[in-house]
């Protein structure tokens, strides 16, 4: 319910393959950057709703942010080979 990256997870590797197909390596940075911006905005919104509540609520908000950022970093690093796979697929189709 609170973790966002479960819903965003399939989009980042798919965009890595698509950007590899198009040959635009800098475009591979846009989805993780957008997801990071959204996660930071969402963290601020959760902390605003917590307000003056006890520290465990703030700790939970921090846990959700760190867990989502860790998942985002893992998926981003794992999608680099998919970029090269997209480039290879484009080269194979272009040659044939």
PDB file of N, CA and C in Angstrom:
ATOM      1  N   UNK A   1       0.819  -1.189   0.000  1.00  0.00           N
ATOM      2  CA  UNK A   1       0.000   0.000   0.000  1.00  0.00           C
ATOM      3  C   UNK A   1       0.869   1.260   0.000  1.00  0.00           C
ATOM      4  N   UNK A   2       1.891   1.303   0.841  1.00  0.00           N
ATOM      5  CA  UNK A   2       2.699   2.505   0.961  1.00  0.00           C
ATOM      6  C   UNK A   2       3.855   2.530  -0.029  1.00  0.00           C
ATOM      7  N   UNK A   3       4.349   1.357  -0.413  1.00  0.00           N
ATOM      8  CA  UNK A   3       5.491   1.303  -1.310  1.00  0.00           C
ATOM      9  C   UNK A   3       5.041   1.549  -2.747  1.00  0.00           C
ATOM     10  N   UNK A   4       5.666   2.494  -3.391  1.00  0.00           N
ATOM     11  CA  UNK A   4       5.296   2.902  -4.745  1.00  0.00           C
ATOM     12  C   UNK A   4       6.036   2.078  -5.795  1.00  0.00           C
ATOM     13  N   UNK A   5       7.252   1.668  -5.497  1.00  0.00           N
ATOM     14  CA  UNK A   5       8.094   1.050  -6.514  1.00  0.00           C
ATOM     15  C   UNK A   5       7.544  -0.270  -7.024  1.00  0.00           C
ATOM     16  N   UNK A   6       6.692  -0.938  -6.281  1.00  0.00           N
ATOM     17  CA  UNK A   6       6.084  -2.174  -6.794  1.00  0.00           C
ATOM     18  C   UNK A   6       5.252  -1.896  -8.035  1.00  0.00           C
ATOM     19  N   UNK A   7       4.641  -0.722  -8.080  1.00  0.00           N
ATOM     20  CA  UNK A   7       3.810  -0.368  -9.231  1.00  0.00           C
ATOM     21  C   UNK A   7       4.640   0.189 -10.378  1.00  0.00           C
ATOM     22  N   UNK A   8       5.759   0.834 -10.083  1.00  0.00           N
ATOM     23  CA  UNK A   8       6.596   1.461 -11.100  1.00  0.00           C
ATOM     24  C   UNK A   8       7.631   0.470 -11.640  1.00  0.00           C
ATOM     25  N   UNK A   9       7.895  -0.582 -10.913  1.00  0.00           N
ATOM     26  CA  UNK A   9       8.971  -1.514 -11.210  1.00  0.00           C
ATOM     27  C   UNK A   9       9.019  -2.019 -12.648  1.00  0.00           C
ATOM     28  N   UNK A  10       7.941  -2.449 -13.264  1.00  0.00           N
ATOM     29  CA  UNK A  10       8.043  -2.968 -14.637  1.00  0.00           C
ATOM     30  C   UNK A  10       8.364  -1.895 -15.677  1.00  0.00           C
ATOM     31  N   UNK A  11       8.090  -0.651 -15.400  1.00  0.00           N
ATOM     32  CA  UNK A  11       8.274   0.405 -16.402  1.00  0.00           C
ATOM     33  C   UNK A  11       9.740   0.732 -16.644  1.00  0.00           C
ATOM     34  N   UNK A  12      10.580   0.682 -15.630  1.00  0.00           N
ATOM     35  CA  UNK A  12      11.979   1.101 -15.787  1.00  0.00           C
ATOM     36  C   UNK A  12      12.768   0.135 -16.662  1.00  0.00           C
ATOM     37  N   UNK A  13      12.704  -1.190 -16.466  1.00  0.00           N
ATOM     38  CA  UNK A  13      13.410  -2.068 -17.402  1.00  0.00           C
ATOM     39  C   UNK A  13      12.854  -1.993 -18.826  1.00  0.00           C
ATOM     40  N   UNK A  14      11.563  -1.795 -18.953  1.00  0.00           N
ATOM     41  CA  UNK A  14      10.978  -1.677 -20.297  1.00  0.00           C
ATOM     42  C   UNK A  14      11.489  -0.421 -21.001  1.00  0.00           C
ATOM     43  N   UNK A  15      11.607   0.666 -20.287  1.00  0.00           N
ATOM     44  CA  UNK A  15      12.136   1.879 -20.913  1.00  0.00           C
ATOM     45  C   UNK A  15      13.619   1.744 -21.233  1.00  0.00           C
ATOM     46  N   UNK A  16      14.341   0.924 -20.471  1.00  0.00           N
ATOM     47  CA  UNK A  16      15.754   0.687 -20.783  1.00  0.00           C
ATOM     48  C   UNK A  16      15.891  -0.037 -22.114  1.00  0.00           C
ATOM     49  N   UNK A  17      15.043  -1.007 -22.357  1.00  0.00           N
ATOM     50  CA  UNK A  17      15.083  -1.728 -23.637  1.00  0.00           C
ATOM     51  C   UNK A  17      14.688  -0.792 -24.775  1.00  0.00           C
ATOM     52  N   UNK A  18      13.675   0.026 -24.556  1.00  0.00           N
ATOM     53  CA  UNK A  18      13.214   0.946 -25.610  1.00  0.00           C
ATOM     54  C   UNK A  18      14.280   1.996 -25.913  1.00  0.00           C
ATOM     55  N   UNK A  19      14.927   2.533 -24.887  1.00  0.00           N
ATOM     56  CA  UNK A  19      15.967   3.524 -25.149  1.00  0.00           C
ATOM     57  C   UNK A  19      17.190   2.883 -25.789  1.00  0.00           C
ATOM     58  N   UNK A  20      17.451   1.623 -25.487  1.00  0.00           N
ATOM     59  CA  UNK A  20      18.518   0.909 -26.178  1.00  0.00           C
ATOM     60  C   UNK A  20      18.182   0.708 -27.646  1.00  0.00           C
ATOM     61  N   UNK A  21      16.925   0.432 -27.927  1.00  0.00           N
ATOM     62  CA  UNK A  21      16.466   0.256 -29.309  1.00  0.00           C
ATOM     63  C   UNK A  21      16.623   1.557 -30.102  1.00  0.00           C
ATOM     64  N   UNK A  22      16.289   2.668 -29.452  1.00  0.00           N
ATOM     65  CA  UNK A  22      16.378   3.956 -30.138  1.00  0.00           C
ATOM     66  C   UNK A  22      17.793   4.533 -30.127  1.00  0.00           C
ATOM     67  N   UNK A  23      18.674   3.996 -29.284  1.00  0.00           N
ATOM     68  CA  UNK A  23      20.047   4.468 -29.244  1.00  0.00           C
ATOM     69  C   UNK A  23      20.214   5.800 -28.524  1.00  0.00           C
ATOM     70  N   UNK A  24      19.389   6.059 -27.541  1.00  0.00           N
ATOM     71  CA  UNK A  24      19.443   7.303 -26.770  1.00  0.00           C
ATOM     72  C   UNK A  24      19.826   6.996 -25.319  1.00  0.00           C
ATOM     73  N   UNK A  25      21.120   6.890 -25.010  1.00  0.00           N
ATOM     74  CA  UNK A  25      21.498   6.499 -23.644  1.00  0.00           C
ATOM     75  C   UNK A  25      21.116   7.522 -22.577  1.00  0.00           C
ATOM     76  N   UNK A  26      21.081   8.808 -22.910  1.00  0.00           N
ATOM     77  CA  UNK A  26      20.708   9.799 -21.898  1.00  0.00           C
ATOM     78  C   UNK A  26      19.227   9.729 -21.532  1.00  0.00           C
ATOM     79  N   UNK A  27      18.410   9.218 -22.433  1.00  0.00           N
ATOM     80  CA  UNK A  27      16.985   9.074 -22.129  1.00  0.00           C
ATOM     81  C   UNK A  27      16.746   8.004 -21.070  1.00  0.00           C
ATOM     82  N   UNK A  28      17.748   7.159 -20.847  1.00  0.00           N
ATOM     83  CA  UNK A  28      17.621   6.123 -19.827  1.00  0.00           C
ATOM     84  C   UNK A  28      17.609   6.726 -18.421  1.00  0.00           C
ATOM     85  N   UNK A  29      18.074   7.964 -18.279  1.00  0.00           N
ATOM     86  CA  UNK A  29      18.093   8.618 -16.975  1.00  0.00           C
ATOM     87  C   UNK A  29      16.751   9.224 -16.586  1.00  0.00           C
ATOM     88  N   UNK A  30      15.880   9.457 -17.547  1.00  0.00           N
ATOM     89  CA  UNK A  30      14.626  10.152 -17.253  1.00  0.00           C
ATOM     90  C   UNK A  30      13.672   9.372 -16.343  1.00  0.00           C
ATOM     91  N   UNK A  31      13.383   8.084 -16.598  1.00  0.00           N
ATOM     92  CA  UNK A  31      12.450   7.393 -15.692  1.00  0.00           C
ATOM     93  C   UNK A  31      12.938   7.295 -14.243  1.00  0.00           C
ATOM     94  N   UNK A  32      14.223   6.934 -13.987  1.00  0.00           N
ATOM     95  CA  UNK A  32      14.645   6.935 -12.576  1.00  0.00           C
ATOM     96  C   UNK A  32      14.632   8.328 -11.947  1.00  0.00           C
ATOM     97  N   UNK A  33      14.960   9.352 -12.725  1.00  0.00           N
ATOM     98  CA  UNK A  33      14.924  10.714 -12.176  1.00  0.00           C
ATOM     99  C   UNK A  33      13.498  11.130 -11.839  1.00  0.00           C
ATOM    100  N   UNK A  34      12.565  10.799 -12.710  1.00  0.00           N
ATOM    101  CA  UNK A  34      11.160  11.117 -12.432  1.00  0.00           C
ATOM    102  C   UNK A  34      10.656  10.335 -11.222  1.00  0.00           C
ATOM    103  N   UNK A  35      11.030   9.055 -11.117  1.00  0.00           N
ATOM    104  CA  UNK A  35      10.606   8.250  -9.965  1.00  0.00           C
ATOM    105  C   UNK A  35      11.215   8.787  -8.673  1.00  0.00           C
ATOM    106  N   UNK A  36      12.478   9.217  -8.712  1.00  0.00           N
ATOM    107  CA  UNK A  36      13.113   9.783  -7.526  1.00  0.00           C
ATOM    108  C   UNK A  36      12.417  11.070  -7.090  1.00  0.00           C
ATOM    109  N   UNK A  37      12.112  11.917  -8.049  1.00  0.00           N
ATOM    110  CA  UNK A  37      11.383  13.140  -7.723  1.00  0.00           C
ATOM    111  C   UNK A  37      10.037  12.858  -7.097  1.00  0.00           C
ATOM    112  N   UNK A  38       9.324  11.879  -7.642  1.00  0.00           N
ATOM    113  CA  UNK A  38       8.024  11.522  -7.087  1.00  0.00           C
ATOM    114  C   UNK A  38       8.167  10.953  -5.681  1.00  0.00           C
ATOM    115  N   UNK A  39       9.183  10.099  -5.467  1.00  0.00           N
ATOM    116  CA  UNK A  39       9.382   9.517  -4.137  1.00  0.00           C
ATOM    117  C   UNK A  39       9.703  10.585  -3.094  1.00  0.00           C
ATOM    118  N   UNK A  40      10.534  11.546  -3.467  1.00  0.00           N
ATOM    119  CA  UNK A  40      10.870  12.622  -2.520  1.00  0.00           C
ATOM    120  C   UNK A  40       9.662  13.509  -2.239  1.00  0.00           C
ATOM    121  N   UNK A  41       8.862  13.796  -3.270  1.00  0.00           N
ATOM    122  CA  UNK A  41       7.640  14.577  -3.069  1.00  0.00           C
ATOM    123  C   UNK A  41       6.679  13.822  -2.156  1.00  0.00           C
ATOM    124  N   UNK A  42       6.546  12.514  -2.385  1.00  0.00           N
ATOM    125  CA  UNK A  42       5.642  11.698  -1.584  1.00  0.00           C
ATOM    126  C   UNK A  42       6.118  11.612  -0.130  1.00  0.00           C
ATOM    127  N   UNK A  43       7.428  11.538   0.073  1.00  0.00           N
ATOM    128  CA  UNK A  43       7.972  11.512   1.423  1.00  0.00           C
ATOM    129  C   UNK A  43       7.612  12.793   2.171  1.00  0.00           C
ATOM    130  N   UNK A  44       7.735  13.937   1.505  1.00  0.00           N
ATOM    131  CA  UNK A  44       7.372  15.205   2.139  1.00  0.00           C
ATOM    132  C   UNK A  44       5.878  15.224   2.471  1.00  0.00           C
ATOM    133  N   UNK A  45       5.058  14.677   1.587  1.00  0.00           N
ATOM    134  CA  UNK A  45       3.611  14.645   1.853  1.00  0.00           C
ATOM    135  C   UNK A  45       3.297  13.753   3.054  1.00  0.00           C
ATOM    136  N   UNK A  46       3.959  12.599   3.157  1.00  0.00           N
ATOM    137  CA  UNK A  46       3.726  11.705   4.295  1.00  0.00           C
ATOM    138  C   UNK A  46       4.162  12.382   5.584  1.00  0.00           C
ATOM    139  N   UNK A  47       5.305  13.043   5.563  1.00  0.00           N
ATOM    140  CA  UNK A  47       5.804  13.702   6.769  1.00  0.00           C
ATOM    141  C   UNK A  47       4.919  14.879   7.172  1.00  0.00           C
ATOM    142  N   UNK A  48       4.315  15.555   6.196  1.00  0.00           N
ATOM    143  CA  UNK A  48       3.372  16.630   6.536  1.00  0.00           C
ATOM    144  C   UNK A  48       2.153  16.067   7.237  1.00  0.00           C
ATOM    145  N   UNK A  49       1.674  14.893   6.794  1.00  0.00           N
ATOM    146  CA  UNK A  49       0.495  14.292   7.416  1.00  0.00           C
ATOM    147  C   UNK A  49       0.812  13.760   8.810  1.00  0.00           C
ATOM    148  N   UNK A  50       2.077  13.342   9.009  1.00  0.00           N
ATOM    149  CA  UNK A  50       2.474  12.857  10.327  1.00  0.00           C
ATOM    150  C   UNK A  50       2.415  13.995  11.331  1.00  0.00           C
ATOM    151  N   UNK A  51       2.910  15.163  10.918  1.00  0.00           N
ATOM    152  CA  UNK A  51       2.842  16.341  11.775  1.00  0.00           C
ATOM    153  C   UNK A  51       3.608  16.183  13.069  1.00  0.00           C
ATOM    154  N   UNK A  52       2.938  16.345  14.174  1.00  0.00           N
ATOM    155  CA  UNK A  52       3.587  16.283  15.486  1.00  0.00           C
ATOM    156  C   UNK A  52       3.439  14.919  16.144  1.00  0.00           C
ATOM    157  N   UNK A  53       3.217  13.910  15.338  1.00  0.00           N
ATOM    158  CA  UNK A  53       3.059  12.561  15.887  1.00  0.00           C
ATOM    159  C   UNK A  53       4.394  12.064  16.442  1.00  0.00           C
ATOM    160  N   UNK A  54       4.342  10.931  17.043  1.00  0.00           N
ATOM    161  CA  UNK A  54       5.537  10.361  17.679  1.00  0.00           C
ATOM    162  C   UNK A  54       6.590   9.970  16.638  1.00  0.00           C
ATOM    163  N   UNK A  55       7.804   9.740  17.107  1.00  0.00           N
ATOM    164  CA  UNK A  55       8.912   9.375  16.233  1.00  0.00           C
ATOM    165  C   UNK A  55       8.659   8.104  15.435  1.00  0.00           C
ATOM    166  N   UNK A  56       7.934   7.107  15.933  1.00  0.00           N
ATOM    167  CA  UNK A  56       7.718   5.910  15.106  1.00  0.00           C
ATOM    168  C   UNK A  56       7.046   6.226  13.767  1.00  0.00           C
ATOM    169  N   UNK A  57       6.185   7.217  13.721  1.00  0.00           N
ATOM    170  CA  UNK A  57       5.549   7.583  12.459  1.00  0.00           C
ATOM    171  C   UNK A  57       6.571   8.171  11.493  1.00  0.00           C
ATOM    172  N   UNK A  58       7.464   8.998  12.006  1.00  0.00           N
ATOM    173  CA  UNK A  58       8.522   9.558  11.185  1.00  0.00           C
ATOM    174  C   UNK A  58       9.476   8.454  10.726  1.00  0.00           C
ATOM    175  N   UNK A  59       9.737   7.503  11.612  1.00  0.00           N
ATOM    176  CA  UNK A  59      10.589   6.366  11.253  1.00  0.00           C
ATOM    177  C   UNK A  59       9.961   5.518  10.167  1.00  0.00           C
ATOM    178  N   UNK A  60       8.643   5.358  10.221  1.00  0.00           N
ATOM    179  CA  UNK A  60       7.970   4.597   9.173  1.00  0.00           C
ATOM    180  C   UNK A  60       8.075   5.312   7.841  1.00  0.00           C
ATOM    181  N   UNK A  61       7.897   6.627   7.840  1.00  0.00           N
ATOM    182  CA  UNK A  61       8.023   7.393   6.594  1.00  0.00           C
ATOM    183  C   UNK A  61       9.437   7.268   6.042  1.00  0.00           C
ATOM    184  N   UNK A  62      10.416   7.315   6.912  1.00  0.00           N
ATOM    185  CA  UNK A  62      11.815   7.158   6.490  1.00  0.00           C
ATOM    186  C   UNK A  62      12.053   5.753   5.941  1.00  0.00           C
ATOM    187  N   UNK A  63      11.470   4.745   6.588  1.00  0.00           N
ATOM    188  CA  UNK A  63      11.613   3.364   6.116  1.00  0.00           C
ATOM    189  C   UNK A  63      11.034   3.193   4.719  1.00  0.00           C
ATOM    190  N   UNK A  64       9.872   3.752   4.482  1.00  0.00           N
ATOM    191  CA  UNK A  64       9.240   3.637   3.168  1.00  0.00           C
ATOM    192  C   UNK A  64      10.099   4.318   2.110  1.00  0.00           C
ATOM    193  N   UNK A  65      10.627   5.498   2.400  1.00  0.00           N
ATOM    194  CA  UNK A  65      11.469   6.219   1.448  1.00  0.00           C
ATOM    195  C   UNK A  65      12.740   5.434   1.141  1.00  0.00           C
ATOM    196  N   UNK A  66      13.436   4.955   2.160  1.00  0.00           N
ATOM    197  CA  UNK A  66      14.693   4.238   1.955  1.00  0.00           C
ATOM    198  C   UNK A  66      14.455   2.931   1.213  1.00  0.00           C
ATOM    199  N   UNK A  67      13.394   2.233   1.553  1.00  0.00           N
ATOM    200  CA  UNK A  67      13.096   0.979   0.871  1.00  0.00           C
ATOM    201  C   UNK A  67      12.796   1.215  -0.608  1.00  0.00           C
ATOM    202  N   UNK A  68      11.995   2.233  -0.902  1.00  0.00           N
ATOM    203  CA  UNK A  68      11.679   2.539  -2.294  1.00  0.00           C
ATOM    204  C   UNK A  68      12.908   3.026  -3.061  1.00  0.00           C
ATOM    205  N   UNK A  69      13.747   3.841  -2.444  1.00  0.00           N
ATOM    206  CA  UNK A  69      14.961   4.309  -3.110  1.00  0.00           C
ATOM    207  C   UNK A  69      15.941   3.160  -3.353  1.00  0.00           C
ATOM    208  N   UNK A  70      16.025   2.221  -2.426  1.00  0.00           N
ATOM    209  CA  UNK A  70      16.873   1.042  -2.626  1.00  0.00           C
ATOM    210  C   UNK A  70      16.382   0.182  -3.772  1.00  0.00           C
ATOM    211  N   UNK A  71      15.083  -0.008  -3.847  1.00  0.00           N
ATOM    212  CA  UNK A  71      14.504  -0.763  -4.956  1.00  0.00           C
ATOM    213  C   UNK A  71      14.740  -0.048  -6.274  1.00  0.00           C
ATOM    214  N   UNK A  72      14.586   1.265  -6.289  1.00  0.00           N
ATOM    215  CA  UNK A  72      14.825   2.047  -7.499  1.00  0.00           C
ATOM    216  C   UNK A  72      16.273   1.933  -7.945  1.00  0.00           C
ATOM    217  N   UNK A  73      17.219   2.024  -7.022  1.00  0.00           N
ATOM    218  CA  UNK A  73      18.634   1.900  -7.378  1.00  0.00           C
ATOM    219  C   UNK A  73      18.946   0.515  -7.923  1.00  0.00           C
ATOM    220  N   UNK A  74      18.384  -0.517  -7.325  1.00  0.00           N
ATOM    221  CA  UNK A  74      18.618  -1.882  -7.798  1.00  0.00           C
ATOM    222  C   UNK A  74      18.067  -2.080  -9.199  1.00  0.00           C
ATOM    223  N   UNK A  75      16.862  -1.626  -9.432  1.00  0.00           N
ATOM    224  CA  UNK A  75      16.247  -1.789 -10.749  1.00  0.00           C
ATOM    225  C   UNK A  75      16.988  -0.967 -11.792  1.00  0.00           C
ATOM    226  N   UNK A  76      17.435   0.226 -11.429  1.00  0.00           N
ATOM    227  CA  UNK A  76      18.164   1.071 -12.369  1.00  0.00           C
ATOM    228  C   UNK A  76      19.487   0.418 -12.760  1.00  0.00           C
ATOM    229  N   UNK A  77      20.213  -0.123 -11.797  1.00  0.00           N
ATOM    230  CA  UNK A  77      21.466  -0.801 -12.110  1.00  0.00           C
ATOM    231  C   UNK A  77      21.243  -2.084 -12.903  1.00  0.00           C
ATOM    232  N   UNK A  78      20.171  -2.790 -12.602  1.00  0.00           N
ATOM    233  CA  UNK A  78      19.887  -4.031 -13.325  1.00  0.00           C
ATOM    234  C   UNK A  78      19.374  -3.768 -14.742  1.00  0.00           C
ATOM    235  N   UNK A  79      18.903  -2.563 -15.015  1.00  0.00           N
ATOM    236  CA  UNK A  79      18.371  -2.275 -16.346  1.00  0.00           C
ATOM    237  C   UNK A  79      19.451  -1.863 -17.337  1.00  0.00           C
ATOM    238  N   UNK A  80      20.681  -1.635 -16.877  1.00  0.00           N
ATOM    239  CA  UNK A  80      21.766  -1.277 -17.796  1.00  0.00           C
ATOM    240  C   UNK A  80      22.036  -2.383 -18.822  1.00  0.00           C
ATOM    241  N   UNK A  81      22.117  -3.656 -18.422  1.00  0.00           N
ATOM    242  CA  UNK A  81      22.283  -4.699 -19.452  1.00  0.00           C
ATOM    243  C   UNK A  81      21.100  -4.773 -20.418  1.00  0.00           C
ATOM    244  N   UNK A  82      19.920  -4.419 -19.946  1.00  0.00           N
ATOM    245  CA  UNK A  82      18.760  -4.425 -20.838  1.00  0.00           C
ATOM    246  C   UNK A  82      18.880  -3.345 -21.910  1.00  0.00           C
ATOM    247  N   UNK A  83      19.531  -2.234 -21.577  1.00  0.00           N
ATOM    248  CA  UNK A  83      19.795  -1.192 -22.564  1.00  0.00           C
ATOM    249  C   UNK A  83      20.650  -1.756 -23.690  1.00  0.00           C
ATOM    250  N   UNK A  84      21.714  -2.468 -23.318  1.00  0.00           N
ATOM    251  CA  UNK A  84      22.587  -3.045 -24.332  1.00  0.00           C
ATOM    252  C   UNK A  84      21.889  -4.156 -25.115  1.00  0.00           C
ATOM    253  N   UNK A  85      20.989  -4.865 -24.479  1.00  0.00           N
ATOM    254  CA  UNK A  85      20.190  -5.868 -25.183  1.00  0.00           C
ATOM    255  C   UNK A  85      19.288  -5.204 -26.224  1.00  0.00           C
ATOM    256  N   UNK A  86      18.720  -4.064 -25.888  1.00  0.00           N
ATOM    257  CA  UNK A  86      17.908  -3.312 -26.853  1.00  0.00           C
ATOM    258  C   UNK A  86      18.742  -2.808 -28.015  1.00  0.00           C
ATOM    259  N   UNK A  87      19.970  -2.350 -27.740  1.00  0.00           N
ATOM    260  CA  UNK A  87      20.865  -1.921 -28.814  1.00  0.00           C
ATOM    261  C   UNK A  87      21.231  -3.088 -29.719  1.00  0.00           C
ATOM    262  N   UNK A  88      21.502  -4.238 -29.114  1.00  0.00           N
ATOM    263  CA  UNK A  88      21.846  -5.424 -29.892  1.00  0.00           C
ATOM    264  C   UNK A  88      20.668  -5.867 -30.760  1.00  0.00           C
ATOM    265  N   UNK A  89      19.477  -5.845 -30.204  1.00  0.00           N
ATOM    266  CA  UNK A  89      18.293  -6.230 -30.987  1.00  0.00           C
ATOM    267  C   UNK A  89      18.090  -5.279 -32.157  1.00  0.00           C
ATOM    268  N   UNK A  90      18.314  -3.999 -31.945  1.00  0.00           N
ATOM    269  CA  UNK A  90      18.177  -3.030 -33.029  1.00  0.00           C
ATOM    270  C   UNK A  90      19.222  -3.277 -34.112  1.00  0.00           C
ATOM    271  N   UNK A  91      20.454  -3.595 -33.700  1.00  0.00           N
ATOM    272  CA  UNK A  91      21.521  -3.868 -34.684  1.00  0.00           C
ATOM    273  C   UNK A  91      21.215  -5.126 -35.473  1.00  0.00           C
ATOM    274  N   UNK A  92      20.676  -6.136 -34.821  1.00  0.00           N
ATOM    275  CA  UNK A  92      20.346  -7.398 -35.519  1.00  0.00           C
ATOM    276  C   UNK A  92      19.234  -7.159 -36.521  1.00  0.00           C
ATOM    277  N   UNK A  93      18.228  -6.397 -36.153  1.00  0.00           N
ATOM    278  CA  UNK A  93      17.109  -6.131 -37.056  1.00  0.00           C
ATOM    279  C   UNK A  93      17.567  -5.224 -38.202  1.00  0.00           C
ATOM    280  N   UNK A  94      18.451  -4.289 -37.912  1.00  0.00           N
ATOM    281  CA  UNK A  94      18.946  -3.372 -38.957  1.00  0.00           C
ATOM    282  C   UNK A  94      19.789  -4.105 -39.986  1.00  0.00           C
ATOM    283  N   UNK A  95      20.540  -5.123 -39.554  1.00  0.00           N
ATOM    284  CA  UNK A  95      21.386  -5.887 -40.474  1.00  0.00           C
ATOM    285  C   UNK A  95      20.541  -6.824 -41.320  1.00  0.00           C
ATOM    286  N   UNK A  96      19.516  -7.390 -40.729  1.00  0.00           N
ATOM    287  CA  UNK A  96      18.678  -8.358 -41.464  1.00  0.00           C
ATOM    288  C   UNK A  96      17.752  -7.698 -42.401  1.00  0.00           C
TER     289      UNK A  96
END
